[in-house]
C-alpha atoms as a PDB file:
ATOM      1  CA  MET A   1      65.934 109.285  88.898  1.00  0.00           C
ATOM      2  CA  VAL A   2      68.580 110.339  91.442  1.00  0.00           C
ATOM      3  CA  GLY A   3      71.317 109.119  89.072  1.00  0.00           C
ATOM      4  CA  ASP A   4      69.866 111.254  86.267  1.00  0.00           C
ATOM      5  CA  MET A   5      69.895 114.331  88.531  1.00  0.00           C
ATOM      6  CA  ARG A   6      73.515 113.656  89.520  1.00  0.00           C
ATOM      7  CA  GLN A   7      74.511 113.289  85.873  1.00  0.00           C
ATOM      8  CA  GLU A   8      72.751 116.552  84.954  1.00  0.00           C
ATOM      9  CA  LYS A   9      74.515 118.321  87.821  1.00  0.00           C
ATOM     10  CA  ARG A  10      77.869 116.851  86.765  1.00  0.00           C
ATOM     11  CA  MET A  11      77.335 117.925  83.158  1.00  0.00           C
ATOM     12  CA  ALA A  12      76.418 121.426  84.355  1.00  0.00           C
ATOM     13  CA  GLU A  13      79.812 121.615  86.089  1.00  0.00           C
ATOM     14  CA  VAL A  14      81.753 120.779  82.898  1.00  0.00           C
ATOM     15  CA  ASP A  15      83.762 123.729  81.612  1.00  0.00           C
ATOM     16  CA  PHE A  16      82.912 123.605  77.908  1.00  0.00           C
ATOM     17  CA  ARG A  17      85.597 126.206  77.080  1.00  0.00           C
ATOM     18  CA  ARG A  18      88.224 123.596  77.936  1.00  0.00           C
ATOM     19  CA  MET A  19      86.639 120.921  75.739  1.00  0.00           C
ATOM     20  CA  ASN A  20      88.950 121.919  72.866  1.00  0.00           C
ATOM     21  CA  SER A  21      92.145 121.092  74.717  1.00  0.00           C
ATOM     22  CA  LEU A  22      94.337 118.013  74.770  1.00  0.00           C
ATOM     23  CA  VAL A  23      93.412 115.328  77.278  1.00  0.00           C
ATOM     24  CA  ALA A  24      95.859 112.913  78.896  1.00  0.00           C
ATOM     25  CA  GLY A  25      94.726 109.709  80.556  1.00  0.00           C
ATOM     26  CA  VAL A  26      97.303 108.017  82.772  1.00  0.00           C
ATOM     27  CA  ASP A  27      97.299 104.464  84.091  1.00  0.00           C
ATOM     28  CA  LEU A  28      99.505 104.265  87.186  1.00  0.00           C
ATOM     29  CA  GLY A  29     101.412 101.092  87.947  1.00  0.00           C
ATOM     30  CA  ASN A  30     104.076 100.161  90.475  1.00  0.00           C
ATOM     31  CA  GLY A  31     106.841 102.622  89.691  1.00  0.00           C
ATOM     32  CA  GLU A  32     105.747 103.297  86.115  1.00  0.00           C
ATOM     33  CA  GLY A  33     102.820 104.942  84.398  1.00  0.00           C
ATOM     34  CA  LEU A  34     101.430 104.875  80.870  1.00  0.00           C
ATOM     35  CA  ALA A  35     100.037 108.083  79.402  1.00  0.00           C
ATOM     36  CA  THR A  36      97.680 108.350  76.426  1.00  0.00           C
ATOM     37  CA  VAL A  37      97.222 111.843  74.980  1.00  0.00           C
ATOM     38  CA  LEU A  38      94.122 112.612  72.922  1.00  0.00           C
ATOM     39  CA  SER A  39      93.625 115.510  70.544  1.00  0.00           C
ATOM     40  CA  PRO A  40      90.453 117.622  70.945  1.00  0.00           C
ATOM     41  CA  ASP A  41      88.735 115.449  68.313  1.00  0.00           C
ATOM     42  CA  GLY A  42      89.504 112.236  70.256  1.00  0.00           C
ATOM     43  CA  ASN A  43      92.407 110.812  68.259  1.00  0.00           C
ATOM     44  CA  VAL A  44      95.456 109.410  70.037  1.00  0.00           C
ATOM     45  CA  THR A  45      98.343 111.832  69.448  1.00  0.00           C
ATOM     46  CA  ASP A  46     100.874 110.273  71.816  1.00  0.00           C
ATOM     47  CA  ARG A  47     101.252 107.250  74.062  1.00  0.00           C
ATOM     48  CA  PHE A  48     104.283 106.734  76.256  1.00  0.00           C
ATOM     49  CA  GLY A  49     105.473 105.237  79.496  1.00  0.00           C
ATOM     50  CA  PHE A  50     107.261 107.148  82.231  1.00  0.00           C
ATOM     51  CA  HIS A  51     108.875 106.377  85.568  1.00  0.00           C
ATOM     52  CA  MET A  52     107.190 107.797  88.652  1.00  0.00           C
ATOM     53  CA  ASN A  53     110.185 109.738  89.903  1.00  0.00           C
ATOM     54  CA  ALA A  54     111.593 113.227  89.304  1.00  0.00           C
ATOM     55  CA  ASP A  55     113.107 112.305  85.919  1.00  0.00           C
ATOM     56  CA  GLY A  56     109.921 110.571  84.792  1.00  0.00           C
ATOM     57  CA  TYR A  57     107.735 113.546  85.715  1.00  0.00           C
ATOM     58  CA  ALA A  58     110.129 115.850  83.828  1.00  0.00           C
ATOM     59  CA  SER A  59     109.859 113.541  80.808  1.00  0.00           C
ATOM     60  CA  PHE A  60     106.058 113.629  81.122  1.00  0.00           C
ATOM     61  CA  ALA A  61     106.111 117.438  81.291  1.00  0.00           C
ATOM     62  CA  SER A  62     108.271 117.630  78.178  1.00  0.00           C
ATOM     63  CA  ARG A  63     105.756 115.583  76.143  1.00  0.00           C
ATOM     64  CA  VAL A  64     102.406 116.870  77.444  1.00  0.00           C
ATOM     65  CA  PRO A  65     101.553 120.600  77.226  1.00  0.00           C
ATOM     66  CA  ARG A  66     100.665 122.313  80.511  1.00  0.00           C
ATOM     67  CA  ASP A  67      97.225 123.333  79.262  1.00  0.00           C
ATOM     68  CA  ALA A  68      96.222 119.690  78.712  1.00  0.00           C
ATOM     69  CA  ARG A  69      93.586 118.281  81.031  1.00  0.00           C
ATOM     70  CA  MET A  70      94.767 115.081  82.638  1.00  0.00           C
ATOM     71  CA  ALA A  71      93.276 112.314  84.719  1.00  0.00           C
ATOM     72  CA  PHE A  72      94.200 109.064  86.391  1.00  0.00           C
ATOM     73  CA  GLU A  73      92.505 106.518  88.636  1.00  0.00           C
ATOM     74  CA  ALA A  74      93.098 106.719  92.381  1.00  0.00           C
ATOM     75  CA  THR A  75      95.658 104.146  93.562  1.00  0.00           C
ATOM     76  CA  GLY A  76      98.251 103.897  96.317  1.00  0.00           C
ATOM     77  CA  MET A  77     100.467 106.263  94.302  1.00  0.00           C
ATOM     78  CA  THR A  78      97.796 108.936  93.893  1.00  0.00           C
ATOM     79  CA  TYR A  79      99.083 111.568  96.302  1.00  0.00           C
ATOM     80  CA  PRO A  80     102.768 111.600  95.229  1.00  0.00           C
ATOM     81  CA  VAL A  81     101.885 111.637  91.513  1.00  0.00           C
ATOM     82  CA  TYR A  82      99.156 114.250  92.021  1.00  0.00           C
ATOM     83  CA  ARG A  83     101.511 116.560  93.941  1.00  0.00           C
ATOM     84  CA  ALA A  84     104.330 116.136  91.407  1.00  0.00           C
ATOM     85  CA  LEU A  85     102.139 116.906  88.393  1.00  0.00           C
ATOM     86  CA  ARG A  86     100.481 119.864  90.144  1.00  0.00           C
ATOM     87  CA  ARG A  87     103.960 121.305  90.725  1.00  0.00           C
ATOM     88  CA  TYR A  88     104.427 121.235  86.941  1.00  0.00           C
ATOM     89  CA  GLY A  89     101.195 123.227  86.573  1.00  0.00           C
ATOM     90  CA  TYR A  90      98.810 120.540  85.326  1.00  0.00           C
ATOM     91  CA  ASP A  91      95.079 120.519  86.005  1.00  0.00           C
ATOM     92  CA  VAL A  92      94.754 116.999  87.418  1.00  0.00           C
ATOM     93  CA  THR A  93      91.530 115.040  87.957  1.00  0.00           C
ATOM     94  CA  VAL A  94      91.642 111.862  90.016  1.00  0.00           C
ATOM     95  CA  ALA A  95      88.999 109.270  89.133  1.00  0.00           C
ATOM     96  CA  HIS A  96      87.099 107.462  91.866  1.00  0.00           C
ATOM     97  CA  PRO A  97      88.045 103.762  91.435  1.00  0.00           C
ATOM     98  CA  LYS A  98      84.766 102.211  92.621  1.00  0.00           C
ATOM     99  CA  GLU A  99      82.547 104.473  90.545  1.00  0.00           C
ATOM    100  CA  LEU A 100      84.870 104.115  87.564  1.00  0.00           C
ATOM    101  CA  ALA A 101      84.820 100.296  87.738  1.00  0.00           C
ATOM    102  CA  TRP A 102      81.182  99.942  86.710  1.00  0.00           C
ATOM    103  CA  ILE A 103      81.643 102.378  83.830  1.00  0.00           C
ATOM    104  CA  VAL A 104      84.788 100.781  82.425  1.00  0.00           C
ATOM    105  CA  ARG A 105      83.933  97.090  82.559  1.00  0.00           C
ATOM    106  CA  SER A 106      85.778  95.247  79.837  1.00  0.00           C
ATOM    107  CA  LYS A 107      87.309  91.897  79.084  1.00  0.00           C
ATOM    108  CA  LYS A 108      90.475  93.564  77.842  1.00  0.00           C
ATOM    109  CA  LYS A 109      92.328  94.883  80.883  1.00  0.00           C
ATOM    110  CA  ASN A 110      95.744  96.411  80.349  1.00  0.00           C
ATOM    111  CA  ASP A 111      97.502  99.735  80.856  1.00  0.00           C
ATOM    112  CA  ARG A 112      97.002 100.806  77.261  1.00  0.00           C
ATOM    113  CA  VAL A 113      93.227 100.247  77.291  1.00  0.00           C
ATOM    114  CA  ASP A 114      92.808 101.734  80.782  1.00  0.00           C
ATOM    115  CA  SER A 115      94.685 104.964  79.993  1.00  0.00           C
ATOM    116  CA  LEU A 116      92.671 105.392  76.776  1.00  0.00           C
ATOM    117  CA  LYS A 117      89.318 104.858  78.547  1.00  0.00           C
ATOM    118  CA  ILE A 118      90.239 107.306  81.314  1.00  0.00           C
ATOM    119  CA  ALA A 119      91.247 109.907  78.698  1.00  0.00           C
ATOM    120  CA  LYS A 120      88.025 109.448  76.704  1.00  0.00           C
ATOM    121  CA  LEU A 121      85.797 109.658  79.789  1.00  0.00           C
ATOM    122  CA  HIS A 122      87.635 112.787  80.934  1.00  0.00           C
ATOM    123  CA  MET A 123      87.324 114.303  77.464  1.00  0.00           C
ATOM    124  CA  VAL A 124      83.517 114.121  77.560  1.00  0.00           C
ATOM    125  CA  GLY A 125      83.253 115.133  81.236  1.00  0.00           C
ATOM    126  CA  MET A 126      81.992 111.766  82.504  1.00  0.00           C
ATOM    127  CA  LEU A 127      84.880 110.814  84.780  1.00  0.00           C
ATOM    128  CA  PRO A 128      83.673 110.208  88.372  1.00  0.00           C
ATOM    129  CA  GLU A 129      85.964 112.327  90.536  1.00  0.00           C
ATOM    130  CA  SER A 130      87.596 111.267  93.777  1.00  0.00           C
ATOM    131  CA  HIS A 131      87.997 113.699  96.649  1.00  0.00           C
ATOM    132  CA  LEU A 132      91.617 114.301  97.662  1.00  0.00           C
ATOM    133  CA  LEU A 133      92.562 115.636 101.048  1.00  0.00           C
ATOM    134  CA  ASP A 134      94.931 118.554 101.479  1.00  0.00           C
ATOM    135  CA  SER A 135      98.209 117.748 103.272  1.00  0.00           C
ATOM    136  CA  ASP A 136      97.006 118.900 106.705  1.00  0.00           C
ATOM    137  CA  ALA A 137      93.812 116.832 106.536  1.00  0.00           C
ATOM    138  CA  GLN A 138      95.764 113.877 105.147  1.00  0.00           C
ATOM    139  CA  MET A 139      98.245 114.050 108.028  1.00  0.00           C
ATOM    140  CA  ALA A 140      95.439 114.335 110.608  1.00  0.00           C
ATOM    141  CA  ARG A 141      93.699 111.298 109.082  1.00  0.00           C
ATOM    142  CA  ASP A 142      96.929 109.275 109.042  1.00  0.00           C
ATOM    143  CA  LEU A 143      97.625 110.149 112.670  1.00  0.00           C
ATOM    144  CA  LEU A 144      94.094 109.134 113.654  1.00  0.00           C
ATOM    145  CA  VAL A 145      94.470 105.813 111.820  1.00  0.00           C
ATOM    146  CA  GLN A 146      97.766 105.165 113.626  1.00  0.00           C
ATOM    147  CA  ARG A 147      96.190 106.050 116.978  1.00  0.00           C
ATOM    148  CA  VAL A 148      93.388 103.553 116.380  1.00  0.00           C
ATOM    149  CA  LYS A 149      95.927 100.859 115.410  1.00  0.00           C
ATOM    150  CA  VAL A 150      97.962 101.474 118.581  1.00  0.00           C
ATOM    151  CA  GLY A 151      94.773 101.260 120.686  1.00  0.00           C
ATOM    152  CA  ARG A 152      93.912  97.901 119.112  1.00  0.00           C
ATOM    153  CA  GLU A 153      97.438  96.586 119.676  1.00  0.00           C
ATOM    154  CA  ILE A 154      97.333  97.649 123.352  1.00  0.00           C
ATOM    155  CA  GLY A 155      94.001  95.859 123.749  1.00  0.00           C
ATOM    156  CA  ARG A 156      95.389  92.669 122.152  1.00  0.00           C
ATOM    157  CA  LEU A 157      98.478  92.799 124.356  1.00  0.00           C
ATOM    158  CA  LYS A 158      96.396  93.262 127.528  1.00  0.00           C
ATOM    159  CA  ASN A 159      94.174  90.317 126.553  1.00  0.00           C
ATOM    160  CA  SER A 160      97.232  88.184 125.849  1.00  0.00           C
ATOM    161  CA  ILE A 161      98.787  88.969 129.238  1.00  0.00           C
ATOM    162  CA  THR A 162      95.477  88.382 131.035  1.00  0.00           C
ATOM    163  CA  GLY A 163      95.089  85.030 129.260  1.00  0.00           C
ATOM    164  CA  HIS A 164      98.611  83.991 130.196  1.00  0.00           C
ATOM    165  CA  LEU A 165      98.082  84.956 133.843  1.00  0.00           C
ATOM    166  CA  ARG A 166      94.803  82.983 133.977  1.00  0.00           C
ATOM    167  CA  ARG A 167      96.528  79.907 132.546  1.00  0.00           C
ATOM    168  CA  GLU A 168      99.111  80.221 135.308  1.00  0.00           C
ATOM    169  CA  ASP A 169      96.300  80.526 137.884  1.00  0.00           C
ATOM    170  CA  VAL A 170      97.235  84.095 138.791  1.00  0.00           C
ATOM    171  CA  TYR A 171      94.284  86.412 139.324  1.00  0.00           C
END
């Protein structure tokens, strides 16, 4: 019941005016991505690989119109790719990997199939979105994570020194 309400809410948020635009689904890899571009009727119009660097993003921008809706699954490369494509003026949606996994279960798992499934889900407005932090919030979170790591390391070091001193019969 709750899932049905969430789906209805999600469908209510879909901008149906944009349903007649191209959709690009991108599967991000380590240093390279594969893009699948769908026409408004769902046919594949283009499929190409690109490097995830300045030249690769320029190549992507030369092949995919700026008014195309695009999506990719959140990975370790999400923030740099998201920022680069936003600079080119794209409307980017980042898919939530855990919620996407149960939707996209398949025996065939490769970049080509993944980019096509992401594009098709985005086309019909059923792509589970991931929340991205702005740069200030991202920096604050990263600093907090580092602070916690340093605190743990200090604790381990203190315990190690205390253990050594006890073994040497120094109290």
